[in-house]
């Protein structure tokens, strides 16, 4: 049996390789999934992605199955409940930001028709980008587009969404496909 070639970063961890093979770099159109990654990428700030992947089901449970309408309606009591659960990163600023970002997410949807349409308004011809990465160790951490999106989102009040997190978000949801050229999942 021939071994599949993958980007270096996913290593041998089953959860990481499943994420790499089935999700990373695949274009997402559904606003609910976009919101999920918005929450998860912000939670990841300063941490490794595998840490968040291992806690993903707990985030799903605590953040109302990533229903942005429900998260936007979280009360201070709901936030305290979330912060008591050791199944997530219990960072008050990140949890409060998730609730705030849910409200802003809804505002963006109203303005653009969907969060997807908002994001792709930044993309050349409204299309995703497939980069030609020879070695996955040389994948960029930011781009001109991630700078622009992060700047606009900051202006709108989003928290924990700088250019580096934005670029990781863009990779996760397939706005950019940074699988290495020799990766079987490109």
C-alpha atoms as a PDB file:
ATOM      1  CA  UNK A   1       0.000   0.000   0.000  1.00  0.00           C
ATOM      2  CA  UNK A   2       1.380   3.356  -1.023  1.00  0.00           C
ATOM      3  CA  UNK A   3       1.553   6.061   1.648  1.00  0.00           C
ATOM      4  CA  UNK A   4      -0.357   9.264   0.969  1.00  0.00           C
ATOM      5  CA  UNK A   5       1.729  12.428   0.703  1.00  0.00           C
ATOM      6  CA  UNK A   6       0.588  15.218   3.001  1.00  0.00           C
ATOM      7  CA  UNK A   7       1.696  18.683   4.022  1.00  0.00           C
ATOM      8  CA  UNK A   8       4.332  18.395   6.757  1.00  0.00           C
ATOM      9  CA  UNK A   9       2.354  20.210   9.456  1.00  0.00           C
ATOM     10  CA  UNK A  10      -0.248  17.522  10.117  1.00  0.00           C
ATOM     11  CA  UNK A  11       2.301  14.915  11.177  1.00  0.00           C
ATOM     12  CA  UNK A  12       0.893  11.493  12.169  1.00  0.00           C
ATOM     13  CA  UNK A  13      -1.853  12.505  14.590  1.00  0.00           C
ATOM     14  CA  UNK A  14      -5.107  10.890  13.374  1.00  0.00           C
ATOM     15  CA  UNK A  15      -7.219  13.935  14.210  1.00  0.00           C
ATOM     16  CA  UNK A  16      -4.781  16.276  12.473  1.00  0.00           C
ATOM     17  CA  UNK A  17      -4.465  14.121   9.336  1.00  0.00           C
ATOM     18  CA  UNK A  18      -8.269  13.758   9.121  1.00  0.00           C
ATOM     19  CA  UNK A  19      -8.618  17.553   9.354  1.00  0.00           C
ATOM     20  CA  UNK A  20      -5.868  18.031   6.732  1.00  0.00           C
ATOM     21  CA  UNK A  21      -7.335  15.448   4.361  1.00  0.00           C
ATOM     22  CA  UNK A  22     -11.023  16.316   4.659  1.00  0.00           C
ATOM     23  CA  UNK A  23     -11.318  19.997   5.571  1.00  0.00           C
ATOM     24  CA  UNK A  24      -8.240  22.192   5.263  1.00  0.00           C
ATOM     25  CA  UNK A  25      -8.183  24.108   1.994  1.00  0.00           C
ATOM     26  CA  UNK A  26     -11.657  22.956   0.923  1.00  0.00           C
ATOM     27  CA  UNK A  27     -13.934  25.863   0.067  1.00  0.00           C
ATOM     28  CA  UNK A  28     -16.739  26.504   2.566  1.00  0.00           C
ATOM     29  CA  UNK A  29     -19.925  28.309   1.492  1.00  0.00           C
ATOM     30  CA  UNK A  30     -22.066  27.788   4.591  1.00  0.00           C
ATOM     31  CA  UNK A  31     -22.151  30.729   7.028  1.00  0.00           C
ATOM     32  CA  UNK A  32     -22.625  28.406   9.996  1.00  0.00           C
ATOM     33  CA  UNK A  33     -19.345  26.638   9.221  1.00  0.00           C
ATOM     34  CA  UNK A  34     -17.673  29.994   8.587  1.00  0.00           C
ATOM     35  CA  UNK A  35     -18.818  31.080  12.046  1.00  0.00           C
ATOM     36  CA  UNK A  36     -17.484  27.851  13.549  1.00  0.00           C
ATOM     37  CA  UNK A  37     -14.035  28.563  12.124  1.00  0.00           C
ATOM     38  CA  UNK A  38     -14.239  32.186  13.217  1.00  0.00           C
ATOM     39  CA  UNK A  39     -14.748  30.971  16.813  1.00  0.00           C
ATOM     40  CA  UNK A  40     -12.112  28.240  16.592  1.00  0.00           C
ATOM     41  CA  UNK A  41      -9.427  30.357  14.923  1.00  0.00           C
ATOM     42  CA  UNK A  42      -9.896  33.134  17.491  1.00  0.00           C
ATOM     43  CA  UNK A  43      -9.651  30.557  20.292  1.00  0.00           C
ATOM     44  CA  UNK A  44      -6.424  29.305  18.739  1.00  0.00           C
ATOM     45  CA  UNK A  45      -4.658  32.694  19.029  1.00  0.00           C
ATOM     46  CA  UNK A  46      -1.320  31.993  20.682  1.00  0.00           C
ATOM     47  CA  UNK A  47      -1.890  28.226  20.774  1.00  0.00           C
ATOM     48  CA  UNK A  48      -1.406  25.286  18.429  1.00  0.00           C
ATOM     49  CA  UNK A  49      -4.223  24.320  16.093  1.00  0.00           C
ATOM     50  CA  UNK A  50      -4.162  20.708  17.294  1.00  0.00           C
ATOM     51  CA  UNK A  51      -5.025  21.961  20.799  1.00  0.00           C
ATOM     52  CA  UNK A  52      -8.198  23.530  19.418  1.00  0.00           C
ATOM     53  CA  UNK A  53      -9.031  20.540  17.201  1.00  0.00           C
ATOM     54  CA  UNK A  54      -8.917  18.312  20.281  1.00  0.00           C
ATOM     55  CA  UNK A  55     -11.406  20.646  22.001  1.00  0.00           C
ATOM     56  CA  UNK A  56     -13.597  21.242  18.953  1.00  0.00           C
ATOM     57  CA  UNK A  57     -16.520  19.101  20.128  1.00  0.00           C
ATOM     58  CA  UNK A  58     -16.528  20.945  23.457  1.00  0.00           C
ATOM     59  CA  UNK A  59     -16.645  24.291  21.632  1.00  0.00           C
ATOM     60  CA  UNK A  60     -19.516  22.961  19.550  1.00  0.00           C
ATOM     61  CA  UNK A  61     -21.411  21.917  22.694  1.00  0.00           C
ATOM     62  CA  UNK A  62     -20.742  25.121  24.633  1.00  0.00           C
ATOM     63  CA  UNK A  63     -21.294  27.499  21.714  1.00  0.00           C
ATOM     64  CA  UNK A  64     -24.767  26.229  20.773  1.00  0.00           C
ATOM     65  CA  UNK A  65     -23.606  24.024  17.901  1.00  0.00           C
ATOM     66  CA  UNK A  66     -22.029  27.198  16.431  1.00  0.00           C
ATOM     67  CA  UNK A  67     -25.436  28.800  15.941  1.00  0.00           C
ATOM     68  CA  UNK A  68     -24.403  32.465  15.639  1.00  0.00           C
ATOM     69  CA  UNK A  69     -27.909  33.726  16.515  1.00  0.00           C
ATOM     70  CA  UNK A  70     -27.849  31.803  19.805  1.00  0.00           C
ATOM     71  CA  UNK A  71     -24.255  32.789  20.608  1.00  0.00           C
ATOM     72  CA  UNK A  72     -25.055  36.448  19.908  1.00  0.00           C
ATOM     73  CA  UNK A  73     -27.804  36.191  22.552  1.00  0.00           C
ATOM     74  CA  UNK A  74     -25.496  34.785  25.261  1.00  0.00           C
ATOM     75  CA  UNK A  75     -25.936  36.571  28.571  1.00  0.00           C
ATOM     76  CA  UNK A  76     -23.206  37.226  31.154  1.00  0.00           C
ATOM     77  CA  UNK A  77     -24.514  34.116  32.948  1.00  0.00           C
ATOM     78  CA  UNK A  78     -24.056  32.038  29.757  1.00  0.00           C
ATOM     79  CA  UNK A  79     -20.501  33.341  29.447  1.00  0.00           C
ATOM     80  CA  UNK A  80     -19.773  32.330  33.053  1.00  0.00           C
ATOM     81  CA  UNK A  81     -21.180  28.859  32.335  1.00  0.00           C
ATOM     82  CA  UNK A  82     -18.861  28.492  29.324  1.00  0.00           C
ATOM     83  CA  UNK A  83     -15.866  29.665  31.352  1.00  0.00           C
ATOM     84  CA  UNK A  84     -16.462  26.979  33.988  1.00  0.00           C
ATOM     85  CA  UNK A  85     -16.003  24.174  31.459  1.00  0.00           C
ATOM     86  CA  UNK A  86     -12.441  22.824  31.260  1.00  0.00           C
ATOM     87  CA  UNK A  87     -13.193  21.360  27.827  1.00  0.00           C
ATOM     88  CA  UNK A  88     -12.252  24.628  26.112  1.00  0.00           C
ATOM     89  CA  UNK A  89      -9.608  27.317  26.456  1.00  0.00           C
ATOM     90  CA  UNK A  90     -11.033  29.227  29.403  1.00  0.00           C
ATOM     91  CA  UNK A  91      -9.847  32.655  28.404  1.00  0.00           C
ATOM     92  CA  UNK A  92     -12.467  35.251  29.357  1.00  0.00           C
ATOM     93  CA  UNK A  93     -11.371  37.701  26.658  1.00  0.00           C
ATOM     94  CA  UNK A  94     -11.705  35.041  23.955  1.00  0.00           C
ATOM     95  CA  UNK A  95     -15.117  33.852  25.169  1.00  0.00           C
ATOM     96  CA  UNK A  96     -16.465  37.407  25.434  1.00  0.00           C
ATOM     97  CA  UNK A  97     -14.999  38.112  21.988  1.00  0.00           C
ATOM     98  CA  UNK A  98     -16.824  35.073  20.574  1.00  0.00           C
ATOM     99  CA  UNK A  99     -20.159  36.499  21.751  1.00  0.00           C
ATOM    100  CA  UNK A 100     -19.271  39.964  20.456  1.00  0.00           C
ATOM    101  CA  UNK A 101     -18.074  38.521  17.145  1.00  0.00           C
ATOM    102  CA  UNK A 102     -21.362  36.610  16.770  1.00  0.00           C
ATOM    103  CA  UNK A 103     -23.279  39.892  16.955  1.00  0.00           C
ATOM    104  CA  UNK A 104     -20.945  41.481  14.421  1.00  0.00           C
ATOM    105  CA  UNK A 105     -21.157  38.394  12.194  1.00  0.00           C
ATOM    106  CA  UNK A 106     -24.934  38.906  12.005  1.00  0.00           C
ATOM    107  CA  UNK A 107     -24.431  42.594  11.176  1.00  0.00           C
ATOM    108  CA  UNK A 108     -22.114  41.646   8.306  1.00  0.00           C
ATOM    109  CA  UNK A 109     -24.652  39.101   7.039  1.00  0.00           C
ATOM    110  CA  UNK A 110     -27.340  41.761   6.993  1.00  0.00           C
ATOM    111  CA  UNK A 111     -25.099  44.194   5.150  1.00  0.00           C
ATOM    112  CA  UNK A 112     -23.744  41.759   2.522  1.00  0.00           C
ATOM    113  CA  UNK A 113     -26.420  39.056   2.350  1.00  0.00           C
ATOM    114  CA  UNK A 114     -24.056  36.466   3.832  1.00  0.00           C
ATOM    115  CA  UNK A 115     -20.709  36.334   5.593  1.00  0.00           C
ATOM    116  CA  UNK A 116     -19.410  34.340   2.626  1.00  0.00           C
ATOM    117  CA  UNK A 117     -20.248  37.214   0.242  1.00  0.00           C
ATOM    118  CA  UNK A 118     -18.489  39.648   2.563  1.00  0.00           C
ATOM    119  CA  UNK A 119     -15.307  37.561   2.637  1.00  0.00           C
ATOM    120  CA  UNK A 120     -15.220  36.927  -1.101  1.00  0.00           C
ATOM    121  CA  UNK A 121     -15.648  40.623  -1.857  1.00  0.00           C
ATOM    122  CA  UNK A 122     -11.942  40.828  -0.910  1.00  0.00           C
ATOM    123  CA  UNK A 123     -10.897  38.041  -3.283  1.00  0.00           C
ATOM    124  CA  UNK A 124      -9.698  38.609  -6.852  1.00  0.00           C
ATOM    125  CA  UNK A 125     -12.745  38.110  -9.089  1.00  0.00           C
ATOM    126  CA  UNK A 126     -14.569  36.788  -6.021  1.00  0.00           C
ATOM    127  CA  UNK A 127     -12.741  33.449  -6.304  1.00  0.00           C
ATOM    128  CA  UNK A 128     -10.546  31.382  -4.020  1.00  0.00           C
ATOM    129  CA  UNK A 129      -6.793  31.238  -4.616  1.00  0.00           C
ATOM    130  CA  UNK A 130      -4.721  28.109  -5.152  1.00  0.00           C
ATOM    131  CA  UNK A 131      -1.116  28.889  -4.263  1.00  0.00           C
ATOM    132  CA  UNK A 132       1.802  26.935  -5.684  1.00  0.00           C
ATOM    133  CA  UNK A 133       3.605  25.964  -2.501  1.00  0.00           C
ATOM    134  CA  UNK A 134       6.625  23.790  -3.213  1.00  0.00           C
ATOM    135  CA  UNK A 135       7.369  23.028   0.435  1.00  0.00           C
ATOM    136  CA  UNK A 136       4.602  23.295   3.026  1.00  0.00           C
ATOM    137  CA  UNK A 137       7.198  24.606   5.509  1.00  0.00           C
ATOM    138  CA  UNK A 138       7.280  27.789   3.423  1.00  0.00           C
ATOM    139  CA  UNK A 139       3.563  28.555   3.629  1.00  0.00           C
ATOM    140  CA  UNK A 140       3.042  32.255   4.367  1.00  0.00           C
ATOM    141  CA  UNK A 141       1.528  33.391   7.675  1.00  0.00           C
ATOM    142  CA  UNK A 142      -0.262  36.418   6.193  1.00  0.00           C
ATOM    143  CA  UNK A 143      -1.094  37.968   2.832  1.00  0.00           C
ATOM    144  CA  UNK A 144      -2.164  41.322   1.475  1.00  0.00           C
ATOM    145  CA  UNK A 145      -5.749  40.037   1.441  1.00  0.00           C
ATOM    146  CA  UNK A 146      -5.612  38.747   5.041  1.00  0.00           C
ATOM    147  CA  UNK A 147      -4.231  42.167   6.029  1.00  0.00           C
ATOM    148  CA  UNK A 148      -7.192  43.878   4.318  1.00  0.00           C
ATOM    149  CA  UNK A 149      -9.840  41.559   5.785  1.00  0.00           C
ATOM    150  CA  UNK A 150      -8.373  41.756   9.299  1.00  0.00           C
ATOM    151  CA  UNK A 151      -8.187  45.544   9.085  1.00  0.00           C
ATOM    152  CA  UNK A 152     -11.810  45.784   7.951  1.00  0.00           C
ATOM    153  CA  UNK A 153     -12.998  43.339  10.609  1.00  0.00           C
ATOM    154  CA  UNK A 154     -11.102  45.234  13.322  1.00  0.00           C
ATOM    155  CA  UNK A 155     -12.772  48.423  12.123  1.00  0.00           C
ATOM    156  CA  UNK A 156     -16.133  46.661  12.493  1.00  0.00           C
ATOM    157  CA  UNK A 157     -15.204  45.668  16.068  1.00  0.00           C
ATOM    158  CA  UNK A 158     -14.189  42.000  15.685  1.00  0.00           C
ATOM    159  CA  UNK A 159     -11.682  40.776  18.291  1.00  0.00           C
ATOM    160  CA  UNK A 160      -8.955  38.128  18.107  1.00  0.00           C
ATOM    161  CA  UNK A 161      -8.826  38.327  14.325  1.00  0.00           C
ATOM    162  CA  UNK A 162      -5.529  39.844  13.215  1.00  0.00           C
ATOM    163  CA  UNK A 163      -3.900  39.118   9.870  1.00  0.00           C
ATOM    164  CA  UNK A 164      -2.197  35.869  10.971  1.00  0.00           C
ATOM    165  CA  UNK A 165      -5.416  34.423  12.390  1.00  0.00           C
ATOM    166  CA  UNK A 166      -7.262  35.675   9.316  1.00  0.00           C
ATOM    167  CA  UNK A 167      -4.829  33.892   6.997  1.00  0.00           C
ATOM    168  CA  UNK A 168      -5.186  30.640   8.977  1.00  0.00           C
ATOM    169  CA  UNK A 169      -8.977  31.115   8.744  1.00  0.00           C
ATOM    170  CA  UNK A 170      -8.680  31.651   4.972  1.00  0.00           C
ATOM    171  CA  UNK A 171      -6.684  28.415   4.671  1.00  0.00           C
ATOM    172  CA  UNK A 172      -9.120  26.483   6.852  1.00  0.00           C
ATOM    173  CA  UNK A 173     -12.164  27.517   4.810  1.00  0.00           C
ATOM    174  CA  UNK A 174     -10.532  27.203   1.393  1.00  0.00           C
ATOM    175  CA  UNK A 175     -10.299  30.878   0.472  1.00  0.00           C
ATOM    176  CA  UNK A 176      -6.679  29.951  -0.145  1.00  0.00           C
ATOM    177  CA  UNK A 177      -5.486  26.447  -0.891  1.00  0.00           C
ATOM    178  CA  UNK A 178      -1.962  26.154   0.468  1.00  0.00           C
ATOM    179  CA  UNK A 179      -1.556  22.398   0.156  1.00  0.00           C
ATOM    180  CA  UNK A 180       1.947  21.745  -1.164  1.00  0.00           C
ATOM    181  CA  UNK A 181       2.178  20.849  -4.850  1.00  0.00           C
ATOM    182  CA  UNK A 182       3.164  17.267  -3.994  1.00  0.00           C
ATOM    183  CA  UNK A 183       0.376  16.822  -1.415  1.00  0.00           C
ATOM    184  CA  UNK A 184      -2.184  14.206  -2.470  1.00  0.00           C
ATOM    185  CA  UNK A 185      -4.954  16.366  -0.993  1.00  0.00           C
ATOM    186  CA  UNK A 186      -4.244  19.477  -3.047  1.00  0.00           C
END
